[in-house]
């Protein structure tokens, strides 16, 4: 509703920033041109499905690169480059 949704965190791939069981408030209304390294975003990955990860950066070709916060998370290389249309929402609040 209104482009906002709550999701419950499942797993520890974003620990310590997000803990298993936390809730995140997500917004579908954000400017992808203004994203910065460190932003947490929900993306749709072709292999892993929906996931919340931290933006590492945007390369010269316009691909977005993400990481988990835990050493046990899927690696940057395994996630691979993400196109802008795969980014679905931005985490705006954690509780």
PDB file of N, CA and C in Angstrom:
ATOM      1  N   UNK A   1       0.840  -1.173   0.000  1.00  0.00           N
ATOM      2  CA  UNK A   1       0.000   0.000   0.000  1.00  0.00           C
ATOM      3  C   UNK A   1       0.893   1.246   0.000  1.00  0.00           C
ATOM      4  N   UNK A   2       0.615   2.170  -0.893  1.00  0.00           N
ATOM      5  CA  UNK A   2       1.360   3.426  -1.023  1.00  0.00           C
ATOM      6  C   UNK A   2       2.833   3.192  -1.345  1.00  0.00           C
ATOM      7  N   UNK A   3       3.160   2.025  -1.886  1.00  0.00           N
ATOM      8  CA  UNK A   3       4.542   1.743  -2.223  1.00  0.00           C
ATOM      9  C   UNK A   3       5.412   1.407  -1.034  1.00  0.00           C
ATOM     10  N   UNK A   4       4.796   1.116   0.129  1.00  0.00           N
ATOM     11  CA  UNK A   4       5.527   0.739   1.333  1.00  0.00           C
ATOM     12  C   UNK A   4       5.161  -0.688   1.705  1.00  0.00           C
ATOM     13  N   UNK A   5       6.118  -1.410   2.243  1.00  0.00           N
ATOM     14  CA  UNK A   5       5.851  -2.759   2.728  1.00  0.00           C
ATOM     15  C   UNK A   5       6.793  -3.093   3.875  1.00  0.00           C
ATOM     16  N   UNK A   6       6.354  -4.023   4.717  1.00  0.00           N
ATOM     17  CA  UNK A   6       7.191  -4.564   5.785  1.00  0.00           C
ATOM     18  C   UNK A   6       7.608  -5.966   5.388  1.00  0.00           C
ATOM     19  N   UNK A   7       8.855  -6.298   5.618  1.00  0.00           N
ATOM     20  CA  UNK A   7       9.350  -7.658   5.431  1.00  0.00           C
ATOM     21  C   UNK A   7      10.093  -8.075   6.680  1.00  0.00           C
ATOM     22  N   UNK A   8       9.976  -9.348   7.008  1.00  0.00           N
ATOM     23  CA  UNK A   8      10.726  -9.892   8.135  1.00  0.00           C
ATOM     24  C   UNK A   8      12.027 -10.487   7.615  1.00  0.00           C
ATOM     25  N   UNK A   9      13.119 -10.208   8.293  1.00  0.00           N
ATOM     26  CA  UNK A   9      14.427 -10.715   7.907  1.00  0.00           C
ATOM     27  C   UNK A   9      14.513 -12.199   8.287  1.00  0.00           C
ATOM     28  N   UNK A  10      14.907 -13.012   7.318  1.00  0.00           N
ATOM     29  CA  UNK A  10      15.101 -14.442   7.555  1.00  0.00           C
ATOM     30  C   UNK A  10      16.560 -14.779   7.275  1.00  0.00           C
ATOM     31  N   UNK A  11      17.289 -15.127   8.307  1.00  0.00           N
ATOM     32  CA  UNK A  11      18.695 -15.471   8.138  1.00  0.00           C
ATOM     33  C   UNK A  11      19.622 -14.402   8.684  1.00  0.00           C
ATOM     34  N   UNK A  12      20.909 -14.719   8.631  1.00  0.00           N
ATOM     35  CA  UNK A  12      21.920 -13.840   9.219  1.00  0.00           C
ATOM     36  C   UNK A  12      22.910 -13.285   8.196  1.00  0.00           C
ATOM     37  N   UNK A  13      22.547 -13.286   6.921  1.00  0.00           N
ATOM     38  CA  UNK A  13      23.504 -12.833   5.906  1.00  0.00           C
ATOM     39  C   UNK A  13      23.810 -11.338   6.004  1.00  0.00           C
ATOM     40  N   UNK A  14      22.944 -10.587   6.688  1.00  0.00           N
ATOM     41  CA  UNK A  14      23.168  -9.144   6.838  1.00  0.00           C
ATOM     42  C   UNK A  14      23.569  -8.780   8.270  1.00  0.00           C
ATOM     43  N   UNK A  15      23.858  -9.776   9.092  1.00  0.00           N
ATOM     44  CA  UNK A  15      24.277  -9.543  10.477  1.00  0.00           C
ATOM     45  C   UNK A  15      25.647  -8.878  10.484  1.00  0.00           C
ATOM     46  N   UNK A  16      25.901  -7.858  11.243  1.00  0.00           N
ATOM     47  CA  UNK A  16      25.130  -7.359  12.373  1.00  0.00           C
ATOM     48  C   UNK A  16      24.151  -6.226  12.040  1.00  0.00           C
ATOM     49  N   UNK A  17      24.145  -5.734  10.807  1.00  0.00           N
ATOM     50  CA  UNK A  17      23.221  -4.632  10.456  1.00  0.00           C
ATOM     51  C   UNK A  17      21.766  -5.046  10.601  1.00  0.00           C
ATOM     52  N   UNK A  18      21.460  -6.242  10.149  1.00  0.00           N
ATOM     53  CA  UNK A  18      20.117  -6.802  10.291  1.00  0.00           C
ATOM     54  C   UNK A  18      20.247  -8.143  10.973  1.00  0.00           C
ATOM     55  N   UNK A  19      19.361  -8.384  11.916  1.00  0.00           N
ATOM     56  CA  UNK A  19      19.365  -9.654  12.631  1.00  0.00           C
ATOM     57  C   UNK A  19      18.179 -10.495  12.186  1.00  0.00           C
ATOM     58  N   UNK A  20      18.348 -11.800  12.239  1.00  0.00           N
ATOM     59  CA  UNK A  20      17.259 -12.720  11.939  1.00  0.00           C
ATOM     60  C   UNK A  20      16.050 -12.340  12.797  1.00  0.00           C
ATOM     61  N   UNK A  21      14.904 -12.113  12.155  1.00  0.00           N
ATOM     62  CA  UNK A  21      13.701 -11.741  12.879  1.00  0.00           C
ATOM     63  C   UNK A  21      13.400 -10.249  12.891  1.00  0.00           C
ATOM     64  N   UNK A  22      14.393  -9.402  12.541  1.00  0.00           N
ATOM     65  CA  UNK A  22      14.118  -7.966  12.413  1.00  0.00           C
ATOM     66  C   UNK A  22      13.047  -7.751  11.335  1.00  0.00           C
ATOM     67  N   UNK A  23      12.407  -6.598  11.417  1.00  0.00           N
ATOM     68  CA  UNK A  23      11.509  -6.172  10.358  1.00  0.00           C
ATOM     69  C   UNK A  23      12.127  -4.976   9.666  1.00  0.00           C
ATOM     70  N   UNK A  24      11.944  -4.903   8.349  1.00  0.00           N
ATOM     71  CA  UNK A  24      12.416  -3.753   7.588  1.00  0.00           C
ATOM     72  C   UNK A  24      11.221  -3.113   6.884  1.00  0.00           C
ATOM     73  N   UNK A  25      11.205  -1.788   6.900  1.00  0.00           N
ATOM     74  CA  UNK A  25      10.212  -1.037   6.146  1.00  0.00           C
ATOM     75  C   UNK A  25      10.857  -0.681   4.816  1.00  0.00           C
ATOM     76  N   UNK A  26      10.196  -1.041   3.733  1.00  0.00           N
ATOM     77  CA  UNK A  26      10.728  -0.852   2.388  1.00  0.00           C
ATOM     78  C   UNK A  26       9.875   0.145   1.619  1.00  0.00           C
ATOM     79  N   UNK A  27      10.526   0.955   0.807  1.00  0.00           N
ATOM     80  CA  UNK A  27       9.827   1.901  -0.057  1.00  0.00           C
ATOM     81  C   UNK A  27      10.158   1.602  -1.511  1.00  0.00           C
ATOM     82  N   UNK A  28       9.122   1.560  -2.340  1.00  0.00           N
ATOM     83  CA  UNK A  28       9.319   1.382  -3.782  1.00  0.00           C
ATOM     84  C   UNK A  28       9.593   2.721  -4.470  1.00  0.00           C
ATOM     85  N   UNK A  29       9.419   3.805  -3.740  1.00  0.00           N
ATOM     86  CA  UNK A  29       9.582   5.151  -4.308  1.00  0.00           C
ATOM     87  C   UNK A  29      10.915   5.745  -3.877  1.00  0.00           C
ATOM     88  N   UNK A  30      11.899   5.618  -4.739  1.00  0.00           N
ATOM     89  CA  UNK A  30      13.228   6.174  -4.481  1.00  0.00           C
ATOM     90  C   UNK A  30      13.905   6.397  -5.825  1.00  0.00           C
ATOM     91  N   UNK A  31      14.869   7.274  -5.845  1.00  0.00           N
ATOM     92  CA  UNK A  31      15.588   7.628  -7.070  1.00  0.00           C
ATOM     93  C   UNK A  31      16.829   6.748  -7.191  1.00  0.00           C
ATOM     94  N   UNK A  32      16.835   5.859  -8.156  1.00  0.00           N
ATOM     95  CA  UNK A  32      17.975   4.957  -8.342  1.00  0.00           C
ATOM     96  C   UNK A  32      19.243   5.707  -8.722  1.00  0.00           C
ATOM     97  N   UNK A  33      19.092   6.902  -9.258  1.00  0.00           N
ATOM     98  CA  UNK A  33      20.249   7.716  -9.620  1.00  0.00           C
ATOM     99  C   UNK A  33      20.953   8.290  -8.389  1.00  0.00           C
ATOM    100  N   UNK A  34      20.255   8.318  -7.255  1.00  0.00           N
ATOM    101  CA  UNK A  34      20.819   8.897  -6.032  1.00  0.00           C
ATOM    102  C   UNK A  34      21.258   7.839  -5.020  1.00  0.00           C
ATOM    103  N   UNK A  35      21.265   6.572  -5.419  1.00  0.00           N
ATOM    104  CA  UNK A  35      21.707   5.527  -4.493  1.00  0.00           C
ATOM    105  C   UNK A  35      23.191   5.697  -4.201  1.00  0.00           C
ATOM    106  N   UNK A  36      23.556   5.323  -2.970  1.00  0.00           N
ATOM    107  CA  UNK A  36      24.940   5.453  -2.533  1.00  0.00           C
ATOM    108  C   UNK A  36      25.409   4.145  -1.915  1.00  0.00           C
ATOM    109  N   UNK A  37      26.707   3.937  -1.948  1.00  0.00           N
ATOM    110  CA  UNK A  37      27.286   2.787  -1.276  1.00  0.00           C
ATOM    111  C   UNK A  37      26.831   2.796   0.176  1.00  0.00           C
ATOM    112  N   UNK A  38      26.432   1.640   0.664  1.00  0.00           N
ATOM    113  CA  UNK A  38      25.951   1.522   2.031  1.00  0.00           C
ATOM    114  C   UNK A  38      24.441   1.442   2.132  1.00  0.00           C
ATOM    115  N   UNK A  39      23.721   1.865   1.082  1.00  0.00           N
ATOM    116  CA  UNK A  39      22.266   1.743   1.087  1.00  0.00           C
ATOM    117  C   UNK A  39      21.879   0.265   1.093  1.00  0.00           C
ATOM    118  N   UNK A  40      20.830  -0.060   1.856  1.00  0.00           N
ATOM    119  CA  UNK A  40      20.306  -1.429   1.857  1.00  0.00           C
ATOM    120  C   UNK A  40      19.103  -1.474   0.930  1.00  0.00           C
ATOM    121  N   UNK A  41      19.113  -2.440   0.013  1.00  0.00           N
ATOM    122  CA  UNK A  41      18.078  -2.529  -1.009  1.00  0.00           C
ATOM    123  C   UNK A  41      17.583  -3.968  -1.152  1.00  0.00           C
ATOM    124  N   UNK A  42      16.326  -4.082  -1.523  1.00  0.00           N
ATOM    125  CA  UNK A  42      15.749  -5.386  -1.830  1.00  0.00           C
ATOM    126  C   UNK A  42      15.839  -5.570  -3.336  1.00  0.00           C
ATOM    127  N   UNK A  43      16.412  -6.674  -3.754  1.00  0.00           N
ATOM    128  CA  UNK A  43      16.580  -6.936  -5.175  1.00  0.00           C
ATOM    129  C   UNK A  43      16.042  -8.316  -5.516  1.00  0.00           C
ATOM    130  N   UNK A  44      15.740  -8.505  -6.774  1.00  0.00           N
ATOM    131  CA  UNK A  44      15.279  -9.797  -7.264  1.00  0.00           C
ATOM    132  C   UNK A  44      16.408 -10.410  -8.070  1.00  0.00           C
ATOM    133  N   UNK A  45      17.013 -11.442  -7.495  1.00  0.00           N
ATOM    134  CA  UNK A  45      18.144 -12.118  -8.125  1.00  0.00           C
ATOM    135  C   UNK A  45      17.623 -13.325  -8.895  1.00  0.00           C
ATOM    136  N   UNK A  46      18.144 -13.577 -10.110  1.00  0.00           N
ATOM    137  CA  UNK A  46      17.630 -14.694 -10.906  1.00  0.00           C
ATOM    138  C   UNK A  46      17.871 -16.068 -10.273  1.00  0.00           C
ATOM    139  N   UNK A  47      18.896 -16.194  -9.449  1.00  0.00           N
ATOM    140  CA  UNK A  47      19.200 -17.486  -8.819  1.00  0.00           C
ATOM    141  C   UNK A  47      18.705 -17.562  -7.374  1.00  0.00           C
ATOM    142  N   UNK A  48      18.855 -16.479  -6.618  1.00  0.00           N
ATOM    143  CA  UNK A  48      18.575 -16.497  -5.184  1.00  0.00           C
ATOM    144  C   UNK A  48      17.200 -15.933  -4.818  1.00  0.00           C
ATOM    145  N   UNK A  49      16.488 -15.353  -5.768  1.00  0.00           N
ATOM    146  CA  UNK A  49      15.190 -14.763  -5.483  1.00  0.00           C
ATOM    147  C   UNK A  49      15.337 -13.409  -4.815  1.00  0.00           C
ATOM    148  N   UNK A  50      14.325 -13.043  -4.022  1.00  0.00           N
ATOM    149  CA  UNK A  50      14.369 -11.748  -3.333  1.00  0.00           C
ATOM    150  C   UNK A  50      15.386 -11.796  -2.206  1.00  0.00           C
ATOM    151  N   UNK A  51      16.170 -10.735  -2.111  1.00  0.00           N
ATOM    152  CA  UNK A  51      17.176 -10.633  -1.060  1.00  0.00           C
ATOM    153  C   UNK A  51      17.421  -9.174  -0.728  1.00  0.00           C
ATOM    154  N   UNK A  52      17.753  -8.914   0.526  1.00  0.00           N
ATOM    155  CA  UNK A  52      18.150  -7.573   0.956  1.00  0.00           C
ATOM    156  C   UNK A  52      19.663  -7.594   1.120  1.00  0.00           C
ATOM    157  N   UNK A  53      20.324  -6.697   0.425  1.00  0.00           N
ATOM    158  CA  UNK A  53      21.781  -6.614   0.469  1.00  0.00           C
ATOM    159  C   UNK A  53      22.208  -5.150   0.505  1.00  0.00           C
ATOM    160  N   UNK A  54      23.483  -4.947   0.783  1.00  0.00           N
ATOM    161  CA  UNK A  54      24.071  -3.612   0.859  1.00  0.00           C
ATOM    162  C   UNK A  54      24.717  -3.257  -0.472  1.00  0.00           C
ATOM    163  N   UNK A  55      24.415  -2.069  -0.964  1.00  0.00           N
ATOM    164  CA  UNK A  55      25.022  -1.598  -2.202  1.00  0.00           C
ATOM    165  C   UNK A  55      26.493  -1.281  -1.959  1.00  0.00           C
ATOM    166  N   UNK A  56      27.347  -1.867  -2.775  1.00  0.00           N
ATOM    167  CA  UNK A  56      28.787  -1.608  -2.708  1.00  0.00           C
ATOM    168  C   UNK A  56      29.144  -0.460  -3.646  1.00  0.00           C
ATOM    169  N   UNK A  57      28.561  -0.466  -4.831  1.00  0.00           N
ATOM    170  CA  UNK A  57      28.845   0.586  -5.792  1.00  0.00           C
ATOM    171  C   UNK A  57      28.205   0.306  -7.136  1.00  0.00           C
ATOM    172  N   UNK A  58      28.404   1.249  -8.037  1.00  0.00           N
ATOM    173  CA  UNK A  58      27.888   1.154  -9.402  1.00  0.00           C
ATOM    174  C   UNK A  58      29.090   1.282 -10.327  1.00  0.00           C
ATOM    175  N   UNK A  59      29.252   0.318 -11.226  1.00  0.00           N
ATOM    176  CA  UNK A  59      30.433   0.363 -12.099  1.00  0.00           C
ATOM    177  C   UNK A  59      30.203   1.297 -13.292  1.00  0.00           C
ATOM    178  N   UNK A  60      31.245   1.454 -14.098  1.00  0.00           N
ATOM    179  CA  UNK A  60      31.203   2.392 -15.225  1.00  0.00           C
ATOM    180  C   UNK A  60      30.174   2.001 -16.290  1.00  0.00           C
ATOM    181  N   UNK A  61      29.708   0.753 -16.268  1.00  0.00           N
ATOM    182  CA  UNK A  61      28.697   0.288 -17.226  1.00  0.00           C
ATOM    183  C   UNK A  61      27.274   0.419 -16.684  1.00  0.00           C
ATOM    184  N   UNK A  62      27.148   0.888 -15.456  1.00  0.00           N
ATOM    185  CA  UNK A  62      25.825   1.071 -14.858  1.00  0.00           C
ATOM    186  C   UNK A  62      25.289  -0.119 -14.091  1.00  0.00           C
ATOM    187  N   UNK A  63      26.120  -1.137 -13.889  1.00  0.00           N
ATOM    188  CA  UNK A  63      25.719  -2.307 -13.112  1.00  0.00           C
ATOM    189  C   UNK A  63      25.883  -2.015 -11.625  1.00  0.00           C
ATOM    190  N   UNK A  64      24.967  -2.528 -10.839  1.00  0.00           N
ATOM    191  CA  UNK A  64      24.995  -2.355  -9.386  1.00  0.00           C
ATOM    192  C   UNK A  64      25.632  -3.599  -8.760  1.00  0.00           C
ATOM    193  N   UNK A  65      26.450  -3.392  -7.736  1.00  0.00           N
ATOM    194  CA  UNK A  65      27.142  -4.486  -7.056  1.00  0.00           C
ATOM    195  C   UNK A  65      26.756  -4.477  -5.579  1.00  0.00           C
ATOM    196  N   UNK A  66      26.451  -5.653  -5.049  1.00  0.00           N
ATOM    197  CA  UNK A  66      25.949  -5.800  -3.694  1.00  0.00           C
ATOM    198  C   UNK A  66      26.735  -6.814  -2.899  1.00  0.00           C
ATOM    199  N   UNK A  67      26.619  -6.688  -1.558  1.00  0.00           N
ATOM    200  CA  UNK A  67      27.236  -7.650  -0.651  1.00  0.00           C
ATOM    201  C   UNK A  67      26.323  -7.854   0.547  1.00  0.00           C
ATOM    202  N   UNK A  68      26.539  -8.973   1.224  1.00  0.00           N
ATOM    203  CA  UNK A  68      25.935  -9.189   2.525  1.00  0.00           C
ATOM    204  C   UNK A  68      26.893  -8.653   3.571  1.00  0.00           C
ATOM    205  N   UNK A  69      26.427  -8.529   4.787  1.00  0.00           N
ATOM    206  CA  UNK A  69      27.277  -8.000   5.850  1.00  0.00           C
ATOM    207  C   UNK A  69      28.046  -9.097   6.577  1.00  0.00           C
ATOM    208  N   UNK A  70      27.544 -10.303   6.558  1.00  0.00           N
ATOM    209  CA  UNK A  70      28.168 -11.425   7.255  1.00  0.00           C
ATOM    210  C   UNK A  70      29.193 -12.115   6.360  1.00  0.00           C
ATOM    211  N   UNK A  71      30.220 -12.661   6.983  1.00  0.00           N
ATOM    212  CA  UNK A  71      31.202 -13.413   6.190  1.00  0.00           C
ATOM    213  C   UNK A  71      30.596 -14.695   5.632  1.00  0.00           C
ATOM    214  N   UNK A  72      29.426 -15.092   6.127  1.00  0.00           N
ATOM    215  CA  UNK A  72      28.745 -16.296   5.654  1.00  0.00           C
ATOM    216  C   UNK A  72      27.732 -16.002   4.546  1.00  0.00           C
ATOM    217  N   UNK A  73      27.630 -14.740   4.153  1.00  0.00           N
ATOM    218  CA  UNK A  73      26.688 -14.339   3.110  1.00  0.00           C
ATOM    219  C   UNK A  73      27.198 -14.750   1.733  1.00  0.00           C
ATOM    220  N   UNK A  74      26.302 -14.724   0.783  1.00  0.00           N
ATOM    221  CA  UNK A  74      26.681 -14.931  -0.616  1.00  0.00           C
ATOM    222  C   UNK A  74      27.682 -13.839  -0.988  1.00  0.00           C
ATOM    223  N   UNK A  75      28.721 -14.201  -1.719  1.00  0.00           N
ATOM    224  CA  UNK A  75      29.778 -13.236  -2.051  1.00  0.00           C
ATOM    225  C   UNK A  75      29.324 -12.247  -3.130  1.00  0.00           C
ATOM    226  N   UNK A  76      30.061 -11.156  -3.221  1.00  0.00           N
ATOM    227  CA  UNK A  76      29.808 -10.156  -4.263  1.00  0.00           C
ATOM    228  C   UNK A  76      29.864 -10.822  -5.631  1.00  0.00           C
ATOM    229  N   UNK A  77      30.849 -11.679  -5.841  1.00  0.00           N
ATOM    230  CA  UNK A  77      30.998 -12.341  -7.139  1.00  0.00           C
ATOM    231  C   UNK A  77      29.859 -13.309  -7.423  1.00  0.00           C
ATOM    232  N   UNK A  78      29.358 -14.001  -6.397  1.00  0.00           N
ATOM    233  CA  UNK A  78      28.232 -14.911  -6.600  1.00  0.00           C
ATOM    234  C   UNK A  78      26.948 -14.150  -6.894  1.00  0.00           C
ATOM    235  N   UNK A  79      26.761 -13.003  -6.258  1.00  0.00           N
ATOM    236  CA  UNK A  79      25.597 -12.171  -6.570  1.00  0.00           C
ATOM    237  C   UNK A  79      25.747 -11.629  -7.983  1.00  0.00           C
ATOM    238  N   UNK A  80      26.940 -11.173  -8.315  1.00  0.00           N
ATOM    239  CA  UNK A  80      27.212 -10.662  -9.653  1.00  0.00           C
ATOM    240  C   UNK A  80      26.600  -9.296  -9.892  1.00  0.00           C
ATOM    241  N   UNK A  81      26.721  -8.804 -11.113  1.00  0.00           N
ATOM    242  CA  UNK A  81      26.180  -7.484 -11.443  1.00  0.00           C
ATOM    243  C   UNK A  81      24.658  -7.522 -11.479  1.00  0.00           C
ATOM    244  N   UNK A  82      24.042  -6.472 -10.967  1.00  0.00           N
ATOM    245  CA  UNK A  82      22.585  -6.366 -10.893  1.00  0.00           C
ATOM    246  C   UNK A  82      22.143  -5.160 -11.721  1.00  0.00           C
ATOM    247  N   UNK A  83      21.152  -5.376 -12.575  1.00  0.00           N
ATOM    248  CA  UNK A  83      20.595  -4.289 -13.389  1.00  0.00           C
ATOM    249  C   UNK A  83      19.623  -3.462 -12.547  1.00  0.00           C
ATOM    250  N   UNK A  84      19.455  -2.208 -12.920  1.00  0.00           N
ATOM    251  CA  UNK A  84      18.585  -1.293 -12.179  1.00  0.00           C
ATOM    252  C   UNK A  84      17.173  -1.854 -12.020  1.00  0.00           C
ATOM    253  N   UNK A  85      16.640  -2.526 -13.036  1.00  0.00           N
ATOM    254  CA  UNK A  85      15.270  -3.029 -12.956  1.00  0.00           C
ATOM    255  C   UNK A  85      15.120  -4.191 -11.978  1.00  0.00           C
ATOM    256  N   UNK A  86      16.215  -4.784 -11.543  1.00  0.00           N
ATOM    257  CA  UNK A  86      16.161  -5.853 -10.544  1.00  0.00           C
ATOM    258  C   UNK A  86      16.059  -5.297  -9.123  1.00  0.00           C
ATOM    259  N   UNK A  87      16.325  -4.020  -8.947  1.00  0.00           N
ATOM    260  CA  UNK A  87      16.228  -3.386  -7.632  1.00  0.00           C
ATOM    261  C   UNK A  87      14.774  -2.992  -7.421  1.00  0.00           C
ATOM    262  N   UNK A  88      14.161  -3.552  -6.382  1.00  0.00           N
ATOM    263  CA  UNK A  88      12.720  -3.405  -6.191  1.00  0.00           C
ATOM    264  C   UNK A  88      12.338  -2.371  -5.142  1.00  0.00           C
ATOM    265  N   UNK A  89      13.120  -2.251  -4.079  1.00  0.00           N
ATOM    266  CA  UNK A  89      12.774  -1.297  -3.031  1.00  0.00           C
ATOM    267  C   UNK A  89      13.994  -1.007  -2.171  1.00  0.00           C
ATOM    268  N   UNK A  90      13.854   0.054  -1.372  1.00  0.00           N
ATOM    269  CA  UNK A  90      14.951   0.512  -0.514  1.00  0.00           C
ATOM    270  C   UNK A  90      14.513   0.394   0.947  1.00  0.00           C
ATOM    271  N   UNK A  91      15.422  -0.104   1.786  1.00  0.00           N
ATOM    272  CA  UNK A  91      15.158  -0.180   3.221  1.00  0.00           C
ATOM    273  C   UNK A  91      15.220   1.240   3.777  1.00  0.00           C
ATOM    274  N   UNK A  92      14.124   1.647   4.426  1.00  0.00           N
ATOM    275  CA  UNK A  92      14.097   3.003   4.996  1.00  0.00           C
ATOM    276  C   UNK A  92      14.008   2.995   6.508  1.00  0.00           C
ATOM    277  N   UNK A  93      13.737   1.822   7.104  1.00  0.00           N
ATOM    278  CA  UNK A  93      13.662   1.736   8.563  1.00  0.00           C
ATOM    279  C   UNK A  93      13.804   0.284   8.978  1.00  0.00           C
ATOM    280  N   UNK A  94      14.508   0.068  10.094  1.00  0.00           N
ATOM    281  CA  UNK A  94      14.706  -1.275  10.636  1.00  0.00           C
ATOM    282  C   UNK A  94      14.166  -1.300  12.051  1.00  0.00           C
ATOM    283  N   UNK A  95      13.394  -2.328  12.385  1.00  0.00           N
ATOM    284  CA  UNK A  95      12.910  -2.477  13.759  1.00  0.00           C
ATOM    285  C   UNK A  95      12.924  -3.943  14.163  1.00  0.00           C
TER     286      UNK A  95
END
